[in-house]
N, C-alpha and C. Protein backbone atom coordinates (compact mmCIF):
# COMPACT_ATOMS: atom_id res chain seq x y z
N UNK A 1 9.56 6.48 -55.77
CA UNK A 1 8.18 6.08 -55.78
C UNK A 1 7.39 6.85 -54.70
N UNK A 2 7.96 6.94 -53.51
CA UNK A 2 7.27 7.62 -52.41
C UNK A 2 7.22 9.12 -52.67
N UNK A 3 8.34 9.69 -53.16
CA UNK A 3 8.37 11.13 -53.43
C UNK A 3 7.35 11.50 -54.50
N UNK A 4 7.21 10.66 -55.49
CA UNK A 4 6.23 10.92 -56.56
C UNK A 4 4.81 10.91 -56.00
N UNK A 5 4.50 9.94 -55.16
CA UNK A 5 3.16 9.85 -54.57
C UNK A 5 2.90 11.01 -53.60
N UNK A 6 3.91 11.39 -52.85
CA UNK A 6 3.76 12.52 -51.93
C UNK A 6 3.50 13.81 -52.70
N UNK A 7 4.24 14.01 -53.79
CA UNK A 7 4.03 15.19 -54.62
C UNK A 7 2.64 15.18 -55.23
N UNK A 8 2.20 14.02 -55.67
CA UNK A 8 0.86 13.90 -56.24
C UNK A 8 -0.20 14.26 -55.20
N UNK A 9 -0.02 13.75 -53.97
CA UNK A 9 -0.95 14.03 -52.89
C UNK A 9 -0.99 15.52 -52.57
N UNK A 10 0.18 16.18 -52.63
CA UNK A 10 0.27 17.61 -52.32
C UNK A 10 -0.12 18.48 -53.51
N UNK A 11 -0.41 17.88 -54.65
CA UNK A 11 -0.80 18.64 -55.82
C UNK A 11 0.38 19.34 -56.50
N UNK A 12 1.55 18.76 -56.36
CA UNK A 12 2.76 19.32 -56.96
C UNK A 12 3.15 18.49 -58.17
N UNK A 13 3.48 19.17 -59.26
CA UNK A 13 3.93 18.47 -60.46
C UNK A 13 5.42 18.16 -60.29
N UNK A 14 5.73 16.88 -60.09
CA UNK A 14 7.10 16.48 -59.80
C UNK A 14 7.40 15.14 -60.45
N UNK A 15 8.48 15.10 -61.25
CA UNK A 15 8.92 13.85 -61.88
C UNK A 15 10.28 13.50 -61.32
N UNK A 16 10.36 12.50 -60.41
CA UNK A 16 11.64 12.16 -59.79
C UNK A 16 12.53 11.25 -60.65
N UNK A 17 12.09 10.82 -61.81
CA UNK A 17 12.86 9.85 -62.60
C UNK A 17 14.26 10.33 -62.97
N UNK A 18 14.52 11.63 -63.22
CA UNK A 18 15.91 12.03 -63.49
C UNK A 18 16.84 11.87 -62.28
N UNK A 19 16.26 11.72 -61.11
CA UNK A 19 17.06 11.60 -59.89
C UNK A 19 17.33 10.15 -59.50
N UNK A 20 16.77 9.21 -60.25
CA UNK A 20 16.91 7.80 -59.92
C UNK A 20 18.36 7.36 -60.06
N UNK A 21 18.80 6.52 -59.13
CA UNK A 21 20.16 6.00 -59.15
C UNK A 21 20.27 4.82 -60.12
N UNK A 22 21.50 4.42 -60.34
CA UNK A 22 21.75 3.28 -61.23
C UNK A 22 22.45 2.17 -60.46
N UNK A 23 21.94 1.89 -59.28
CA UNK A 23 22.56 0.86 -58.46
C UNK A 23 21.77 -0.44 -58.56
N UNK A 24 22.47 -1.52 -58.29
CA UNK A 24 21.87 -2.83 -58.40
C UNK A 24 22.57 -3.77 -57.43
N UNK A 25 21.85 -4.71 -56.84
CA UNK A 25 22.52 -5.67 -55.95
C UNK A 25 23.50 -6.57 -56.71
N UNK A 26 23.40 -6.61 -58.01
CA UNK A 26 24.31 -7.44 -58.81
C UNK A 26 25.64 -6.75 -59.06
N UNK A 27 25.71 -5.43 -58.88
CA UNK A 27 26.92 -4.68 -59.13
C UNK A 27 27.57 -4.24 -57.82
N UNK A 28 27.90 -5.19 -56.97
CA UNK A 28 28.47 -4.89 -55.68
C UNK A 28 30.00 -4.83 -55.80
N UNK A 29 30.58 -3.78 -55.25
CA UNK A 29 32.03 -3.65 -55.23
C UNK A 29 32.54 -4.25 -53.92
N UNK A 30 33.42 -5.23 -54.00
CA UNK A 30 33.93 -5.84 -52.76
C UNK A 30 34.69 -4.82 -51.92
N UNK A 31 34.55 -4.95 -50.60
CA UNK A 31 35.24 -4.05 -49.69
C UNK A 31 36.61 -4.64 -49.33
N UNK A 32 37.55 -3.77 -49.06
CA UNK A 32 38.88 -4.18 -48.65
C UNK A 32 38.91 -4.16 -47.13
N UNK A 33 38.63 -5.29 -46.51
CA UNK A 33 38.54 -5.39 -45.06
C UNK A 33 39.87 -5.92 -44.53
N UNK A 34 40.45 -5.26 -43.52
CA UNK A 34 41.74 -5.71 -43.00
C UNK A 34 41.62 -7.07 -42.30
N UNK A 35 42.72 -7.80 -42.29
CA UNK A 35 42.76 -9.10 -41.61
C UNK A 35 42.82 -8.87 -40.10
N UNK A 36 42.58 -9.92 -39.35
CA UNK A 36 42.70 -9.84 -37.89
C UNK A 36 44.11 -9.43 -37.49
N UNK A 37 45.11 -9.95 -38.21
CA UNK A 37 46.50 -9.61 -37.90
C UNK A 37 46.77 -8.13 -38.14
N UNK A 38 46.26 -7.57 -39.22
CA UNK A 38 46.44 -6.14 -39.49
C UNK A 38 45.78 -5.29 -38.42
N UNK A 39 44.59 -5.71 -37.99
CA UNK A 39 43.89 -4.97 -36.93
C UNK A 39 44.70 -5.01 -35.63
N UNK A 40 45.23 -6.18 -35.28
CA UNK A 40 46.03 -6.32 -34.07
C UNK A 40 47.31 -5.48 -34.15
N UNK A 41 47.93 -5.44 -35.33
CA UNK A 41 49.14 -4.63 -35.50
C UNK A 41 48.85 -3.15 -35.31
N UNK A 42 47.74 -2.68 -35.85
CA UNK A 42 47.38 -1.27 -35.68
C UNK A 42 47.04 -0.97 -34.22
N UNK A 43 46.39 -1.91 -33.56
CA UNK A 43 46.08 -1.74 -32.14
C UNK A 43 47.36 -1.50 -31.34
N UNK A 44 48.39 -2.31 -31.61
CA UNK A 44 49.66 -2.19 -30.90
C UNK A 44 50.40 -0.90 -31.23
N UNK A 45 50.18 -0.36 -32.42
CA UNK A 45 50.87 0.86 -32.83
C UNK A 45 50.26 2.12 -32.21
N UNK A 46 49.02 2.03 -31.75
CA UNK A 46 48.36 3.20 -31.17
C UNK A 46 48.93 3.50 -29.79
N UNK A 47 49.20 4.76 -29.50
CA UNK A 47 49.59 5.09 -28.13
C UNK A 47 48.37 4.93 -27.22
N UNK A 48 48.59 4.44 -26.03
CA UNK A 48 47.46 4.20 -25.13
C UNK A 48 47.13 5.42 -24.29
N UNK A 49 47.40 6.60 -24.83
CA UNK A 49 47.03 7.81 -24.12
C UNK A 49 45.56 8.09 -24.36
N UNK A 50 44.88 8.52 -23.35
CA UNK A 50 43.46 8.90 -23.41
C UNK A 50 42.56 7.73 -23.82
N UNK A 51 43.02 6.49 -23.68
CA UNK A 51 42.17 5.33 -23.95
C UNK A 51 41.93 5.02 -25.42
N UNK A 52 42.81 5.47 -26.32
CA UNK A 52 42.58 5.23 -27.74
C UNK A 52 42.68 3.76 -28.11
N UNK A 53 43.55 2.99 -27.43
CA UNK A 53 43.60 1.56 -27.71
C UNK A 53 42.27 0.90 -27.32
N UNK A 54 41.73 1.29 -26.20
CA UNK A 54 40.45 0.74 -25.74
C UNK A 54 39.33 1.07 -26.73
N UNK A 55 39.31 2.32 -27.19
CA UNK A 55 38.30 2.73 -28.17
C UNK A 55 38.45 1.95 -29.46
N UNK A 56 39.69 1.81 -29.94
CA UNK A 56 39.95 1.06 -31.16
C UNK A 56 39.54 -0.40 -30.99
N UNK A 57 39.85 -0.97 -29.83
CA UNK A 57 39.47 -2.36 -29.55
C UNK A 57 37.97 -2.57 -29.56
N UNK A 58 37.23 -1.62 -28.99
CA UNK A 58 35.76 -1.70 -29.02
C UNK A 58 35.24 -1.63 -30.46
N UNK A 59 35.82 -0.72 -31.24
CA UNK A 59 35.39 -0.57 -32.63
C UNK A 59 35.67 -1.84 -33.43
N UNK A 60 36.87 -2.42 -33.22
CA UNK A 60 37.25 -3.63 -33.95
C UNK A 60 36.44 -4.84 -33.51
N UNK A 61 36.19 -4.96 -32.23
CA UNK A 61 35.47 -6.12 -31.70
C UNK A 61 33.98 -6.09 -32.04
N UNK A 62 33.36 -4.94 -31.88
CA UNK A 62 31.91 -4.84 -32.04
C UNK A 62 31.47 -4.21 -33.35
N UNK A 63 32.42 -3.81 -34.20
CA UNK A 63 32.06 -3.20 -35.48
C UNK A 63 31.39 -1.85 -35.33
N UNK A 64 31.84 -1.08 -34.36
CA UNK A 64 31.23 0.23 -34.10
C UNK A 64 31.64 1.25 -35.15
N UNK A 65 30.76 2.17 -35.44
CA UNK A 65 31.11 3.33 -36.23
C UNK A 65 31.92 4.28 -35.35
N UNK A 66 32.72 5.14 -35.98
CA UNK A 66 33.64 5.97 -35.20
C UNK A 66 32.94 6.83 -34.14
N UNK A 67 31.77 7.36 -34.42
CA UNK A 67 31.09 8.21 -33.43
C UNK A 67 30.38 7.38 -32.36
N UNK A 68 30.08 6.12 -32.65
CA UNK A 68 29.34 5.30 -31.69
C UNK A 68 30.16 4.94 -30.46
N UNK A 69 31.47 4.90 -30.60
CA UNK A 69 32.32 4.54 -29.47
C UNK A 69 32.16 5.54 -28.32
N UNK A 70 31.68 6.74 -28.62
CA UNK A 70 31.48 7.76 -27.59
C UNK A 70 30.04 7.77 -27.06
N UNK A 71 29.20 6.87 -27.57
CA UNK A 71 27.80 6.81 -27.17
C UNK A 71 27.41 5.40 -26.73
N UNK A 72 28.20 4.82 -25.84
CA UNK A 72 27.97 3.45 -25.38
C UNK A 72 27.53 3.42 -23.93
N UNK A 73 26.75 2.40 -23.61
CA UNK A 73 26.44 2.09 -22.21
C UNK A 73 27.49 1.09 -21.77
N UNK A 74 28.61 1.58 -21.26
CA UNK A 74 29.72 0.71 -20.89
C UNK A 74 29.38 -0.17 -19.69
N UNK A 75 28.38 0.20 -18.92
CA UNK A 75 27.96 -0.63 -17.79
C UNK A 75 27.45 -1.98 -18.30
N UNK A 76 26.79 -1.98 -19.44
CA UNK A 76 26.29 -3.24 -19.99
C UNK A 76 27.43 -4.16 -20.41
N UNK A 77 28.60 -3.61 -20.69
CA UNK A 77 29.75 -4.41 -21.08
C UNK A 77 30.30 -5.22 -19.91
N UNK A 78 30.10 -4.73 -18.70
CA UNK A 78 30.64 -5.42 -17.52
C UNK A 78 29.80 -6.63 -17.13
N UNK A 79 28.63 -6.77 -17.72
CA UNK A 79 27.75 -7.88 -17.38
C UNK A 79 27.86 -8.96 -18.46
N UNK A 80 27.79 -10.21 -18.05
CA UNK A 80 27.85 -11.32 -18.99
C UNK A 80 26.58 -11.32 -19.84
N UNK A 81 26.63 -11.53 -21.11
CA UNK A 81 27.70 -12.07 -21.95
C UNK A 81 28.50 -11.01 -22.69
N UNK A 82 28.57 -9.79 -22.21
CA UNK A 82 29.37 -8.75 -22.86
C UNK A 82 28.67 -8.08 -24.01
N UNK A 83 27.38 -7.88 -23.87
CA UNK A 83 26.61 -7.18 -24.90
C UNK A 83 26.68 -5.68 -24.60
N UNK A 84 27.05 -4.92 -25.62
CA UNK A 84 27.16 -3.47 -25.47
C UNK A 84 25.92 -2.81 -26.07
N UNK A 85 25.45 -1.76 -25.44
CA UNK A 85 24.33 -1.00 -25.97
C UNK A 85 24.84 0.33 -26.50
N UNK A 86 24.56 0.58 -27.78
CA UNK A 86 24.84 1.88 -28.39
C UNK A 86 23.64 2.75 -28.05
N UNK A 87 23.87 3.83 -27.33
CA UNK A 87 22.78 4.68 -26.89
C UNK A 87 22.24 5.58 -27.99
N UNK A 88 23.13 6.01 -28.89
CA UNK A 88 22.72 6.90 -29.97
C UNK A 88 23.71 6.75 -31.11
N UNK A 89 23.22 6.85 -32.33
CA UNK A 89 24.08 6.74 -33.50
C UNK A 89 23.27 6.83 -34.77
N UNK A 90 23.89 6.49 -35.88
CA UNK A 90 23.25 6.57 -37.19
C UNK A 90 21.96 5.76 -37.25
N UNK A 91 21.99 4.57 -36.64
CA UNK A 91 20.81 3.70 -36.65
C UNK A 91 20.06 3.71 -35.33
N UNK A 92 20.38 4.68 -34.47
CA UNK A 92 19.68 4.80 -33.20
C UNK A 92 20.20 3.85 -32.15
N UNK A 93 19.41 3.64 -31.12
CA UNK A 93 19.78 2.75 -30.02
C UNK A 93 19.76 1.31 -30.50
N UNK A 94 20.82 0.56 -30.15
CA UNK A 94 20.85 -0.84 -30.53
C UNK A 94 21.80 -1.61 -29.63
N UNK A 95 21.57 -2.91 -29.55
CA UNK A 95 22.45 -3.80 -28.77
C UNK A 95 23.37 -4.53 -29.73
N UNK A 96 24.63 -4.62 -29.35
CA UNK A 96 25.60 -5.31 -30.21
C UNK A 96 26.38 -6.34 -29.41
């Protein structure tokens, strides 16, 4: 809808309808999310070299994306109530 209006504003002949997706909130595919026990087992299997267990624990606890674990304000984690700030990522700066 926006692309069509932008093209119209720019004086460009553009029909985006062939590019429309066929998604619907009614056709949701359930995700296969591991249990807490599976997450804990994988945590224990990781070697604790270079802090990988810590990184995995942060990802599992706070639901971080893989690149976000490297963009955290860890100082905020030391203060109660343990809210972490993601400094940069897919959705930008956010508190978790």
